[in-house]
Amino acid sequence: MYNELKVVFFLIGTVKYLLQTPIFMKIYVEGDVAYLPFSKKIEKMGFGVKRGGKIILHPIEVLYLILNRGYEVHGKNTTDVFKWCLEKIENFMPFYCVYEDLRKRGYYVNILEDVLVGKHVYYPVEEVRNVNVCDIVKFENLVLAVVDEECEITYYKVEEIYPKGKHKEEEFKVRGILLGNSVFTEGFLHERYFYGSLKGNMTILSILESAYLMEKGMLEVYEGEKRVSLDKIMNIGRSKDPKFDRRFEVYKDLKEKGFVVKTGLKFGSDFRLYEYISEELPHSKYLVNIFDRPIPAFEIVRAVRLAQSVRKTLLFACKGNKYIAVERVKV
């Protein structure tokens, strides 16, 4: 009799539980597949994909519905669901954090393999993960979503741009003297075209600037009475900087695009760019970082923050003379 009563009370409790949790709020997991019985309401809210009488859910949607909409997974507790999600999706947590944030902002979001698609195409990444902005820019209307260790998210617009300056230079021919790692030449190169730095009535050129002007045929460099070759100047540059050839390549391209190109060292960048010069030097518009390898997302965050703090746009210079602008945005 006692055992029969236990069974009765168990059945009563089960019935009460089922009544308290409507069937449309139960998610079912079978192997790799999670689904809900079909519901017009869920379909209109933009969750899942309808197949027959079911709505197939992505693991990100499963966890979102559990944590934010009061749904339950049949036969699993929340910890079980977390483990299942982590097993199914690489880098699950940054994707989930961004998805939840966008949903709470009122956006419908579709989940693809590498990105979340809504108002923009969102590329979620943990702050410590490497990012190649030159590759991910293949997505149009792209926003990089960087998730920190506390699950806070910062959004960055990433797009390829085609920068163009307004600076023009007349052809000239000058002589310079090689002294150490610098070339001393006439003062007007700085006063008129902003090359190098002005010391007294002389312009002191960097090796990078000297190599550019020599290649253009506008500068002859001497060491004593002996004319110095472009190869020697290039080798001096390489001895100072293993990446000199790459920097020279980007420098030349930016000059040909009509910019005044100066070192960006004090801003932690390779170059700073001026669109033009006049009697009063304007603010530089861009900072340029040469980008030839993936870097941790937090380095991108730091570089963008510094650029925007001094009212400049950060450009990453990719191979093939491609320039990627990265700016923090609100979504």
C-alpha atoms as a PDB file:
ATOM      1  CA  MET A   1       0.000   0.000   0.000  1.00  0.00           C
ATOM      2  CA  TYR A   2       2.836   2.416   0.901  1.00  0.00           C
ATOM      3  CA  ASN A   3       4.578   1.804  -2.402  1.00  0.00           C
ATOM      4  CA  GLU A   4       1.339   2.334  -4.309  1.00  0.00           C
ATOM      5  CA  LEU A   5       0.851   5.704  -2.564  1.00  0.00           C
ATOM      6  CA  LYS A   6       4.409   6.712  -3.523  1.00  0.00           C
ATOM      7  CA  VAL A   7       3.639   5.977  -7.144  1.00  0.00           C
ATOM      8  CA  VAL A   8       0.400   7.976  -6.974  1.00  0.00           C
ATOM      9  CA  PHE A   9       2.132  11.011  -5.428  1.00  0.00           C
ATOM     10  CA  PHE A  10       4.927  10.768  -8.025  1.00  0.00           C
ATOM     11  CA  LEU A  11       2.379  10.762 -10.847  1.00  0.00           C
ATOM     12  CA  ILE A  12       0.519  13.724  -9.319  1.00  0.00           C
ATOM     13  CA  GLY A  13       3.803  15.672  -9.064  1.00  0.00           C
ATOM     14  CA  THR A  14       4.693  14.831 -12.653  1.00  0.00           C
ATOM     15  CA  VAL A  15       1.287  15.967 -13.901  1.00  0.00           C
ATOM     16  CA  LYS A  16       1.624  19.242 -11.958  1.00  0.00           C
ATOM     17  CA  TYR A  17       5.090  19.822 -13.494  1.00  0.00           C
ATOM     18  CA  LEU A  18       3.809  19.163 -16.992  1.00  0.00           C
ATOM     19  CA  LEU A  19       0.887  21.509 -16.451  1.00  0.00           C
ATOM     20  CA  GLN A  20       3.193  24.255 -15.187  1.00  0.00           C
ATOM     21  CA  THR A  21       5.538  23.863 -18.186  1.00  0.00           C
ATOM     22  CA  PRO A  22       3.522  24.109 -21.426  1.00  0.00           C
ATOM     23  CA  ILE A  23       4.628  21.708 -24.115  1.00  0.00           C
ATOM     24  CA  PHE A  24       5.539  24.539 -26.497  1.00  0.00           C
ATOM     25  CA  MET A  25       8.093  25.719 -23.900  1.00  0.00           C
ATOM     26  CA  LYS A  26       9.932  22.387 -23.930  1.00  0.00           C
ATOM     27  CA  ILE A  27      12.941  21.914 -26.168  1.00  0.00           C
ATOM     28  CA  TYR A  28      13.938  18.417 -27.203  1.00  0.00           C
ATOM     29  CA  VAL A  29      17.464  17.265 -27.996  1.00  0.00           C
ATOM     30  CA  GLU A  30      18.061  14.133 -30.030  1.00  0.00           C
ATOM     31  CA  GLY A  31      21.758  13.573 -30.751  1.00  0.00           C
ATOM     32  CA  ASP A  32      23.034  16.696 -32.516  1.00  0.00           C
ATOM     33  CA  VAL A  33      19.572  18.132 -33.193  1.00  0.00           C
ATOM     34  CA  ALA A  34      17.511  20.398 -30.940  1.00  0.00           C
ATOM     35  CA  TYR A  35      13.919  21.270 -31.786  1.00  0.00           C
ATOM     36  CA  LEU A  36      10.610  22.657 -30.598  1.00  0.00           C
ATOM     37  CA  PRO A  37       7.137  21.537 -31.620  1.00  0.00           C
ATOM     38  CA  PHE A  38       6.101  24.016 -34.307  1.00  0.00           C
ATOM     39  CA  SER A  39       4.837  27.338 -32.962  1.00  0.00           C
ATOM     40  CA  LYS A  40       3.761  30.318 -35.052  1.00  0.00           C
ATOM     41  CA  LYS A  41       4.878  32.598 -32.242  1.00  0.00           C
ATOM     42  CA  ILE A  42       8.426  31.215 -32.238  1.00  0.00           C
ATOM     43  CA  GLU A  43       8.586  31.338 -36.030  1.00  0.00           C
ATOM     44  CA  LYS A  44       7.521  34.998 -36.073  1.00  0.00           C
ATOM     45  CA  MET A  45      10.160  35.794 -33.457  1.00  0.00           C
ATOM     46  CA  GLY A  46      12.814  34.585 -35.880  1.00  0.00           C
ATOM     47  CA  PHE A  47      14.010  31.505 -34.055  1.00  0.00           C
ATOM     48  CA  GLY A  48      15.078  28.323 -35.802  1.00  0.00           C
ATOM     49  CA  VAL A  49      14.149  26.742 -39.118  1.00  0.00           C
ATOM     50  CA  LYS A  50      10.803  25.065 -39.763  1.00  0.00           C
ATOM     51  CA  ARG A  51      10.963  21.423 -40.830  1.00  0.00           C
ATOM     52  CA  GLY A  52       7.690  19.557 -40.903  1.00  0.00           C
ATOM     53  CA  GLY A  53       5.968  19.996 -37.570  1.00  0.00           C
ATOM     54  CA  LYS A  54       9.167  21.085 -35.821  1.00  0.00           C
ATOM     55  CA  ILE A  55      11.348  24.146 -35.482  1.00  0.00           C
ATOM     56  CA  ILE A  56      15.021  23.128 -35.579  1.00  0.00           C
ATOM     57  CA  LEU A  57      17.108  25.261 -33.241  1.00  0.00           C
ATOM     58  CA  HIS A  58      20.779  26.222 -33.260  1.00  0.00           C
ATOM     59  CA  PRO A  59      22.576  25.541 -29.916  1.00  0.00           C
ATOM     60  CA  ILE A  60      22.950  29.323 -29.459  1.00  0.00           C
ATOM     61  CA  GLU A  61      19.165  29.715 -29.759  1.00  0.00           C
ATOM     62  CA  VAL A  62      18.609  26.840 -27.325  1.00  0.00           C
ATOM     63  CA  LEU A  63      20.666  28.482 -24.600  1.00  0.00           C
ATOM     64  CA  TYR A  64      19.128  31.894 -25.282  1.00  0.00           C
ATOM     65  CA  LEU A  65      15.581  30.535 -24.917  1.00  0.00           C
ATOM     66  CA  ILE A  66      16.502  28.788 -21.666  1.00  0.00           C
ATOM     67  CA  LEU A  67      18.276  31.756 -20.068  1.00  0.00           C
ATOM     68  CA  ASN A  68      15.968  34.520 -21.301  1.00  0.00           C
ATOM     69  CA  ARG A  69      12.557  33.086 -22.215  1.00  0.00           C
ATOM     70  CA  GLY A  70      11.889  30.440 -19.565  1.00  0.00           C
ATOM     71  CA  TYR A  71      12.193  27.401 -21.844  1.00  0.00           C
ATOM     72  CA  GLU A  72      13.469  24.033 -20.641  1.00  0.00           C
ATOM     73  CA  VAL A  73      15.232  21.161 -22.349  1.00  0.00           C
ATOM     74  CA  HIS A  74      13.502  17.851 -21.826  1.00  0.00           C
ATOM     75  CA  GLY A  75      15.635  15.607 -19.618  1.00  0.00           C
ATOM     76  CA  LYS A  76      18.516  18.085 -19.216  1.00  0.00           C
ATOM     77  CA  ASN A  77      19.384  20.756 -16.677  1.00  0.00           C
ATOM     78  CA  THR A  78      21.055  24.060 -17.573  1.00  0.00           C
ATOM     79  CA  THR A  79      24.555  22.702 -16.897  1.00  0.00           C
ATOM     80  CA  ASP A  80      23.911  19.797 -19.254  1.00  0.00           C
ATOM     81  CA  VAL A  81      22.761  22.240 -21.935  1.00  0.00           C
ATOM     82  CA  PHE A  82      25.890  24.373 -21.512  1.00  0.00           C
ATOM     83  CA  LYS A  83      28.101  21.309 -21.928  1.00  0.00           C
ATOM     84  CA  TRP A  84      26.147  20.204 -25.008  1.00  0.00           C
ATOM     85  CA  CYS A  85      26.478  23.656 -26.582  1.00  0.00           C
ATOM     86  CA  LEU A  86      30.209  23.858 -25.895  1.00  0.00           C
ATOM     87  CA  GLU A  87      30.712  20.444 -27.496  1.00  0.00           C
ATOM     88  CA  LYS A  88      28.789  21.389 -30.625  1.00  0.00           C
ATOM     89  CA  ILE A  89      30.148  24.884 -31.412  1.00  0.00           C
ATOM     90  CA  GLU A  90      33.754  26.059 -31.369  1.00  0.00           C
ATOM     91  CA  ASN A  91      34.136  29.456 -29.655  1.00  0.00           C
ATOM     92  CA  PHE A  92      30.546  29.099 -28.472  1.00  0.00           C
ATOM     93  CA  MET A  93      30.648  31.690 -25.689  1.00  0.00           C
ATOM     94  CA  PRO A  94      31.678  34.782 -27.712  1.00  0.00           C
ATOM     95  CA  PHE A  95      29.060  33.866 -30.328  1.00  0.00           C
ATOM     96  CA  TYR A  96      26.431  33.420 -27.635  1.00  0.00           C
ATOM     97  CA  CYS A  97      27.314  36.687 -25.857  1.00  0.00           C
ATOM     98  CA  VAL A  98      27.003  38.688 -29.080  1.00  0.00           C
ATOM     99  CA  TYR A  99      23.797  36.898 -30.095  1.00  0.00           C
ATOM    100  CA  GLU A 100      22.181  37.598 -26.718  1.00  0.00           C
ATOM    101  CA  ASP A 101      23.281  41.240 -26.786  1.00  0.00           C
ATOM    102  CA  LEU A 102      21.834  41.796 -30.261  1.00  0.00           C
ATOM    103  CA  ARG A 103      18.582  40.034 -29.384  1.00  0.00           C
ATOM    104  CA  LYS A 104      18.174  42.196 -26.294  1.00  0.00           C
ATOM    105  CA  ARG A 105      18.653  45.250 -28.487  1.00  0.00           C
ATOM    106  CA  GLY A 106      15.658  44.084 -30.503  1.00  0.00           C
ATOM    107  CA  TYR A 107      17.462  42.696 -33.565  1.00  0.00           C
ATOM    108  CA  TYR A 108      16.567  39.459 -35.287  1.00  0.00           C
ATOM    109  CA  VAL A 109      19.755  37.501 -35.889  1.00  0.00           C
ATOM    110  CA  ASN A 110      20.485  34.605 -38.221  1.00  0.00           C
ATOM    111  CA  ILE A 111      23.343  32.301 -37.289  1.00  0.00           C
ATOM    112  CA  LEU A 112      25.774  31.244 -40.001  1.00  0.00           C
ATOM    113  CA  GLU A 113      28.980  29.269 -39.632  1.00  0.00           C
ATOM    114  CA  ASP A 114      31.386  32.143 -38.934  1.00  0.00           C
ATOM    115  CA  VAL A 115      29.114  35.133 -38.417  1.00  0.00           C
ATOM    116  CA  LEU A 116      25.809  36.423 -37.094  1.00  0.00           C
ATOM    117  CA  VAL A 117      23.656  38.214 -39.646  1.00  0.00           C
ATOM    118  CA  GLY A 118      21.222  40.934 -38.651  1.00  0.00           C
ATOM    119  CA  LYS A 119      21.367  44.686 -39.123  1.00  0.00           C
ATOM    120  CA  HIS A 120      25.037  44.081 -39.989  1.00  0.00           C
ATOM    121  CA  VAL A 121      27.232  41.036 -40.426  1.00  0.00           C
ATOM    122  CA  TYR A 122      28.749  40.466 -36.986  1.00  0.00           C
ATOM    123  CA  TYR A 123      32.031  38.601 -36.489  1.00  0.00           C
ATOM    124  CA  PRO A 124      32.309  37.601 -32.808  1.00  0.00           C
ATOM    125  CA  VAL A 125      35.753  36.972 -31.357  1.00  0.00           C
ATOM    126  CA  GLU A 126      37.304  36.682 -27.904  1.00  0.00           C
ATOM    127  CA  GLU A 127      39.769  39.433 -27.046  1.00  0.00           C
ATOM    128  CA  VAL A 128      42.697  36.975 -26.962  1.00  0.00           C
ATOM    129  CA  ARG A 129      41.921  35.308 -30.301  1.00  0.00           C
ATOM    130  CA  ASN A 130      43.910  36.195 -33.412  1.00  0.00           C
ATOM    131  CA  VAL A 131      42.073  38.160 -36.102  1.00  0.00           C
ATOM    132  CA  ASN A 132      43.023  38.770 -39.723  1.00  0.00           C
ATOM    133  CA  VAL A 133      41.166  41.922 -40.738  1.00  0.00           C
ATOM    134  CA  CYS A 134      42.448  41.537 -44.289  1.00  0.00           C
ATOM    135  CA  ASP A 135      40.516  38.261 -44.593  1.00  0.00           C
ATOM    136  CA  ILE A 136      37.304  38.973 -42.705  1.00  0.00           C
ATOM    137  CA  VAL A 137      36.640  42.124 -44.728  1.00  0.00           C
ATOM    138  CA  LYS A 138      35.318  39.743 -47.431  1.00  0.00           C
ATOM    139  CA  PHE A 139      31.981  40.085 -45.591  1.00  0.00           C
ATOM    140  CA  GLU A 140      30.055  43.207 -46.616  1.00  0.00           C
ATOM    141  CA  ASN A 141      28.690  45.521 -43.917  1.00  0.00           C
ATOM    142  CA  LEU A 142      30.990  43.854 -41.389  1.00  0.00           C
ATOM    143  CA  VAL A 143      31.144  44.611 -37.671  1.00  0.00           C
ATOM    144  CA  LEU A 144      33.844  42.988 -35.544  1.00  0.00           C
ATOM    145  CA  ALA A 145      32.395  42.144 -32.118  1.00  0.00           C
ATOM    146  CA  VAL A 146      35.182  41.795 -29.527  1.00  0.00           C
ATOM    147  CA  VAL A 147      34.159  39.986 -26.332  1.00  0.00           C
ATOM    148  CA  ASP A 148      36.302  40.504 -23.236  1.00  0.00           C
ATOM    149  CA  GLU A 149      36.817  38.110 -20.322  1.00  0.00           C
ATOM    150  CA  GLU A 150      33.779  39.566 -18.526  1.00  0.00           C
ATOM    151  CA  CYS A 151      31.568  39.032 -21.598  1.00  0.00           C
ATOM    152  CA  GLU A 152      31.388  42.761 -22.330  1.00  0.00           C
ATOM    153  CA  ILE A 153      31.228  43.524 -26.054  1.00  0.00           C
ATOM    154  CA  THR A 154      32.719  46.330 -28.127  1.00  0.00           C
ATOM    155  CA  TYR A 155      31.762  46.717 -31.784  1.00  0.00           C
ATOM    156  CA  TYR A 156      34.035  47.863 -34.612  1.00  0.00           C
ATOM    157  CA  LYS A 157      33.079  48.652 -38.193  1.00  0.00           C
ATOM    158  CA  VAL A 158      35.553  47.022 -40.591  1.00  0.00           C
ATOM    159  CA  GLU A 159      35.597  47.998 -44.265  1.00  0.00           C
ATOM    160  CA  GLU A 160      37.943  48.290 -47.191  1.00  0.00           C
ATOM    161  CA  ILE A 161      38.422  51.891 -48.268  1.00  0.00           C
ATOM    162  CA  TYR A 162      40.271  53.599 -51.075  1.00  0.00           C
ATOM    163  CA  PRO A 163      42.085  56.554 -49.452  1.00  0.00           C
ATOM    164  CA  LYS A 164      43.061  59.506 -51.617  1.00  0.00           C
ATOM    165  CA  GLY A 165      45.082  62.575 -50.678  1.00  0.00           C
ATOM    166  CA  LYS A 166      45.234  66.009 -52.287  1.00  0.00           C
ATOM    167  CA  HIS A 167      48.946  66.696 -51.937  1.00  0.00           C
ATOM    168  CA  LYS A 168      50.896  67.498 -55.117  1.00  0.00           C
ATOM    169  CA  GLU A 169      54.606  67.955 -55.613  1.00  0.00           C
ATOM    170  CA  GLU A 170      56.429  69.641 -58.441  1.00  0.00           C
ATOM    171  CA  GLU A 171      59.466  67.819 -59.792  1.00  0.00           C
ATOM    172  CA  PHE A 172      62.772  68.974 -58.340  1.00  0.00           C
ATOM    173  CA  LYS A 173      66.399  67.905 -58.251  1.00  0.00           C
ATOM    174  CA  VAL A 174      68.515  68.244 -55.113  1.00  0.00           C
ATOM    175  CA  ARG A 175      71.752  66.925 -53.664  1.00  0.00           C
ATOM    176  CA  GLY A 176      72.100  65.401 -50.238  1.00  0.00           C
ATOM    177  CA  ILE A 177      74.923  64.322 -47.937  1.00  0.00           C
ATOM    178  CA  LEU A 178      74.807  60.943 -46.167  1.00  0.00           C
ATOM    179  CA  LEU A 179      75.790  61.318 -42.529  1.00  0.00           C
ATOM    180  CA  GLY A 180      75.199  58.227 -40.421  1.00  0.00           C
ATOM    181  CA  ASN A 181      71.639  57.059 -40.944  1.00  0.00           C
ATOM    182  CA  SER A 182      70.307  60.366 -42.279  1.00  0.00           C
ATOM    183  CA  VAL A 183      70.607  62.476 -45.390  1.00  0.00           C
ATOM    184  CA  PHE A 184      71.103  66.252 -45.098  1.00  0.00           C
ATOM    185  CA  THR A 185      69.687  68.348 -47.927  1.00  0.00           C
ATOM    186  CA  GLU A 186      68.034  71.685 -48.752  1.00  0.00           C
ATOM    187  CA  GLY A 187      65.570  73.285 -46.342  1.00  0.00           C
ATOM    188  CA  PHE A 188      62.770  73.832 -48.864  1.00  0.00           C
ATOM    189  CA  LEU A 189      61.976  70.074 -48.922  1.00  0.00           C
ATOM    190  CA  HIS A 190      60.542  70.386 -45.427  1.00  0.00           C
ATOM    191  CA  GLU A 191      59.125  73.886 -45.760  1.00  0.00           C
ATOM    192  CA  ARG A 192      57.282  73.181 -49.010  1.00  0.00           C
ATOM    193  CA  TYR A 193      56.631  69.427 -48.990  1.00  0.00           C
ATOM    194  CA  PHE A 194      57.022  68.463 -45.310  1.00  0.00           C
ATOM    195  CA  TYR A 195      59.795  65.910 -45.878  1.00  0.00           C
ATOM    196  CA  GLY A 196      62.022  65.120 -42.902  1.00  0.00           C
ATOM    197  CA  SER A 197      62.663  67.674 -40.171  1.00  0.00           C
ATOM    198  CA  LEU A 198      64.023  71.187 -40.419  1.00  0.00           C
ATOM    199  CA  LYS A 199      67.249  71.911 -38.559  1.00  0.00           C
ATOM    200  CA  GLY A 200      68.406  75.455 -39.151  1.00  0.00           C
ATOM    201  CA  ASN A 201      68.306  75.913 -42.894  1.00  0.00           C
ATOM    202  CA  MET A 202      68.684  72.201 -43.715  1.00  0.00           C
ATOM    203  CA  THR A 203      66.218  69.340 -44.077  1.00  0.00           C
ATOM    204  CA  ILE A 204      67.230  66.046 -42.473  1.00  0.00           C
ATOM    205  CA  LEU A 205      65.642  63.144 -44.360  1.00  0.00           C
ATOM    206  CA  SER A 206      65.025  59.652 -43.039  1.00  0.00           C
ATOM    207  CA  ILE A 207      66.452  56.732 -44.986  1.00  0.00           C
ATOM    208  CA  LEU A 208      62.907  55.829 -46.069  1.00  0.00           C
ATOM    209  CA  GLU A 209      62.286  59.293 -47.516  1.00  0.00           C
ATOM    210  CA  SER A 210      65.735  59.357 -49.096  1.00  0.00           C
ATOM    211  CA  ALA A 211      65.169  56.020 -50.828  1.00  0.00           C
ATOM    212  CA  TYR A 212      61.829  57.227 -52.190  1.00  0.00           C
ATOM    213  CA  LEU A 213      63.248  60.481 -53.589  1.00  0.00           C
ATOM    214  CA  MET A 214      66.265  58.694 -55.045  1.00  0.00           C
ATOM    215  CA  GLU A 215      64.071  56.139 -56.790  1.00  0.00           C
ATOM    216  CA  LYS A 216      62.002  59.024 -58.212  1.00  0.00           C
ATOM    217  CA  GLY A 217      65.218  60.593 -59.554  1.00  0.00           C
ATOM    218  CA  MET A 218      64.770  63.779 -57.498  1.00  0.00           C
ATOM    219  CA  LEU A 219      67.593  63.257 -55.007  1.00  0.00           C
ATOM    220  CA  GLU A 220      71.295  62.496 -55.467  1.00  0.00           C
ATOM    221  CA  VAL A 221      73.114  61.441 -52.320  1.00  0.00           C
ATOM    222  CA  TYR A 222      76.855  61.786 -51.756  1.00  0.00           C
ATOM    223  CA  GLU A 223      79.268  60.509 -49.153  1.00  0.00           C
ATOM    224  CA  GLY A 224      82.193  62.848 -49.458  1.00  0.00           C
ATOM    225  CA  GLU A 225      82.792  63.155 -53.191  1.00  0.00           C
ATOM    226  CA  LYS A 226      81.376  59.709 -53.962  1.00  0.00           C
ATOM    227  CA  ARG A 227      77.808  59.329 -55.144  1.00  0.00           C
ATOM    228  CA  VAL A 228      75.818  56.836 -53.083  1.00  0.00           C
ATOM    229  CA  SER A 229      73.691  54.200 -54.843  1.00  0.00           C
ATOM    230  CA  LEU A 230      70.051  53.480 -54.080  1.00  0.00           C
ATOM    231  CA  ASP A 231      71.072  49.923 -53.136  1.00  0.00           C
ATOM    232  CA  LYS A 232      73.344  51.261 -50.400  1.00  0.00           C
ATOM    233  CA  ILE A 233      70.564  53.444 -48.990  1.00  0.00           C
ATOM    234  CA  MET A 234      68.150  50.472 -49.085  1.00  0.00           C
ATOM    235  CA  ASN A 235      70.686  48.285 -47.272  1.00  0.00           C
ATOM    236  CA  ILE A 236      71.119  50.924 -44.569  1.00  0.00           C
ATOM    237  CA  GLY A 237      67.345  50.846 -44.121  1.00  0.00           C
ATOM    238  CA  ARG A 238      67.304  47.040 -43.949  1.00  0.00           C
ATOM    239  CA  SER A 239      70.068  47.033 -41.345  1.00  0.00           C
ATOM    240  CA  LYS A 240      67.930  49.262 -39.111  1.00  0.00           C
ATOM    241  CA  ASP A 241      64.584  47.578 -39.799  1.00  0.00           C
ATOM    242  CA  PRO A 242      64.038  43.976 -41.004  1.00  0.00           C
ATOM    243  CA  LYS A 243      60.666  45.103 -42.406  1.00  0.00           C
ATOM    244  CA  PHE A 244      62.131  48.058 -44.282  1.00  0.00           C
ATOM    245  CA  ASP A 245      61.204  46.750 -47.753  1.00  0.00           C
ATOM    246  CA  ARG A 246      57.566  46.277 -46.740  1.00  0.00           C
ATOM    247  CA  ARG A 247      57.406  49.728 -45.154  1.00  0.00           C
ATOM    248  CA  PHE A 248      59.004  51.211 -48.272  1.00  0.00           C
ATOM    249  CA  GLU A 249      56.373  49.500 -50.434  1.00  0.00           C
ATOM    250  CA  VAL A 250      53.500  50.963 -48.392  1.00  0.00           C
ATOM    251  CA  TYR A 251      55.183  54.381 -48.148  1.00  0.00           C
ATOM    252  CA  LYS A 252      55.524  54.595 -51.943  1.00  0.00           C
ATOM    253  CA  ASP A 253      51.914  53.574 -52.509  1.00  0.00           C
ATOM    254  CA  LEU A 254      50.612  56.194 -50.070  1.00  0.00           C
ATOM    255  CA  LYS A 255      52.765  58.900 -51.656  1.00  0.00           C
ATOM    256  CA  GLU A 256      51.416  57.967 -55.063  1.00  0.00           C
ATOM    257  CA  LYS A 257      47.896  58.249 -53.636  1.00  0.00           C
ATOM    258  CA  GLY A 258      48.564  61.916 -52.871  1.00  0.00           C
ATOM    259  CA  PHE A 259      49.350  61.849 -49.144  1.00  0.00           C
ATOM    260  CA  VAL A 260      52.046  63.500 -47.085  1.00  0.00           C
ATOM    261  CA  VAL A 261      53.442  60.490 -45.227  1.00  0.00           C
ATOM    262  CA  LYS A 262      55.167  60.879 -41.857  1.00  0.00           C
ATOM    263  CA  THR A 263      56.237  58.451 -39.160  1.00  0.00           C
ATOM    264  CA  GLY A 264      53.447  57.359 -36.804  1.00  0.00           C
ATOM    265  CA  LEU A 265      55.756  56.249 -33.999  1.00  0.00           C
ATOM    266  CA  LYS A 266      54.378  58.616 -31.347  1.00  0.00           C
ATOM    267  CA  PHE A 267      50.924  57.135 -32.030  1.00  0.00           C
ATOM    268  CA  GLY A 268      52.154  53.540 -32.019  1.00  0.00           C
ATOM    269  CA  SER A 269      51.672  53.201 -35.794  1.00  0.00           C
ATOM    270  CA  ASP A 270      53.834  52.880 -38.876  1.00  0.00           C
ATOM    271  CA  PHE A 271      52.671  56.107 -40.525  1.00  0.00           C
ATOM    272  CA  ARG A 272      50.425  59.121 -40.095  1.00  0.00           C
ATOM    273  CA  LEU A 273      48.879  60.663 -43.192  1.00  0.00           C
ATOM    274  CA  TYR A 274      48.043  64.231 -44.171  1.00  0.00           C
ATOM    275  CA  GLU A 275      45.717  64.833 -47.110  1.00  0.00           C
ATOM    276  CA  TYR A 276      47.476  68.095 -47.923  1.00  0.00           C
ATOM    277  CA  ILE A 277      49.692  70.778 -46.386  1.00  0.00           C
ATOM    278  CA  SER A 278      49.189  74.531 -46.296  1.00  0.00           C
ATOM    279  CA  GLU A 279      50.573  77.484 -44.372  1.00  0.00           C
ATOM    280  CA  GLU A 280      49.135  75.914 -41.238  1.00  0.00           C
ATOM    281  CA  LEU A 281      49.653  72.172 -41.015  1.00  0.00           C
ATOM    282  CA  PRO A 282      46.253  70.435 -40.698  1.00  0.00           C
ATOM    283  CA  HIS A 283      45.597  67.467 -38.436  1.00  0.00           C
ATOM    284  CA  SER A 284      46.653  64.156 -39.917  1.00  0.00           C
ATOM    285  CA  LYS A 285      43.595  62.178 -40.985  1.00  0.00           C
ATOM    286  CA  TYR A 286      44.786  58.570 -40.783  1.00  0.00           C
ATOM    287  CA  LEU A 287      47.111  56.347 -38.820  1.00  0.00           C
ATOM    288  CA  VAL A 288      48.423  53.379 -40.782  1.00  0.00           C
ATOM    289  CA  ASN A 289      49.521  50.037 -39.350  1.00  0.00           C
ATOM    290  CA  ILE A 290      51.137  47.584 -41.739  1.00  0.00           C
ATOM    291  CA  PHE A 291      49.254  44.322 -41.297  1.00  0.00           C
ATOM    292  CA  ASP A 292      50.890  41.122 -42.536  1.00  0.00           C
ATOM    293  CA  ARG A 293      49.820  38.623 -39.869  1.00  0.00           C
ATOM    294  CA  PRO A 294      46.839  37.884 -37.667  1.00  0.00           C
ATOM    295  CA  ILE A 295      47.007  39.678 -34.314  1.00  0.00           C
ATOM    296  CA  PRO A 296      45.058  39.298 -31.041  1.00  0.00           C
ATOM    297  CA  ALA A 297      41.787  41.211 -31.041  1.00  0.00           C
ATOM    298  CA  PHE A 298      42.866  43.237 -27.987  1.00  0.00           C
ATOM    299  CA  GLU A 299      45.717  44.745 -30.049  1.00  0.00           C
ATOM    300  CA  ILE A 300      43.176  45.970 -32.594  1.00  0.00           C
ATOM    301  CA  VAL A 301      41.094  47.422 -29.752  1.00  0.00           C
ATOM    302  CA  ARG A 302      44.101  49.298 -28.349  1.00  0.00           C
ATOM    303  CA  ALA A 303      45.139  50.671 -31.739  1.00  0.00           C
ATOM    304  CA  VAL A 304      41.618  51.867 -32.582  1.00  0.00           C
ATOM    305  CA  ARG A 305      41.140  53.463 -29.179  1.00  0.00           C
ATOM    306  CA  LEU A 306      44.406  55.394 -29.522  1.00  0.00           C
ATOM    307  CA  ALA A 307      43.567  56.526 -33.061  1.00  0.00           C
ATOM    308  CA  GLN A 308      40.088  57.732 -32.126  1.00  0.00           C
ATOM    309  CA  SER A 309      41.382  59.468 -28.985  1.00  0.00           C
ATOM    310  CA  VAL A 310      43.446  61.730 -31.275  1.00  0.00           C
ATOM    311  CA  ARG A 311      40.625  62.073 -33.839  1.00  0.00           C
ATOM    312  CA  LYS A 312      42.155  59.883 -36.511  1.00  0.00           C
ATOM    313  CA  THR A 313      40.945  56.873 -38.455  1.00  0.00           C
ATOM    314  CA  LEU A 314      43.000  53.696 -38.167  1.00  0.00           C
ATOM    315  CA  LEU A 315      43.932  51.963 -41.411  1.00  0.00           C
ATOM    316  CA  PHE A 316      45.468  48.527 -41.703  1.00  0.00           C
ATOM    317  CA  ALA A 317      47.664  48.227 -44.803  1.00  0.00           C
ATOM    318  CA  CYS A 318      47.282  44.744 -46.289  1.00  0.00           C
ATOM    319  CA  LYS A 319      49.241  43.126 -49.069  1.00  0.00           C
ATOM    320  CA  GLY A 320      48.198  44.140 -52.557  1.00  0.00           C
ATOM    321  CA  ASN A 321      47.865  47.808 -51.515  1.00  0.00           C
ATOM    322  CA  LYS A 322      44.553  47.163 -49.781  1.00  0.00           C
ATOM    323  CA  TYR A 323      43.533  49.395 -46.860  1.00  0.00           C
ATOM    324  CA  ILE A 324      41.097  48.381 -44.139  1.00  0.00           C
ATOM    325  CA  ALA A 325      39.509  51.043 -41.920  1.00  0.00           C
ATOM    326  CA  VAL A 326      38.524  49.990 -38.391  1.00  0.00           C
ATOM    327  CA  GLU A 327      36.370  52.286 -36.228  1.00  0.00           C
ATOM    328  CA  ARG A 328      34.446  51.738 -33.012  1.00  0.00           C
ATOM    329  CA  VAL A 329      30.677  52.001 -33.547  1.00  0.00           C
ATOM    330  CA  LYS A 330      27.430  51.783 -31.638  1.00  0.00           C
ATOM    331  CA  VAL A 331      24.935  49.176 -32.803  1.00  0.00           C
END
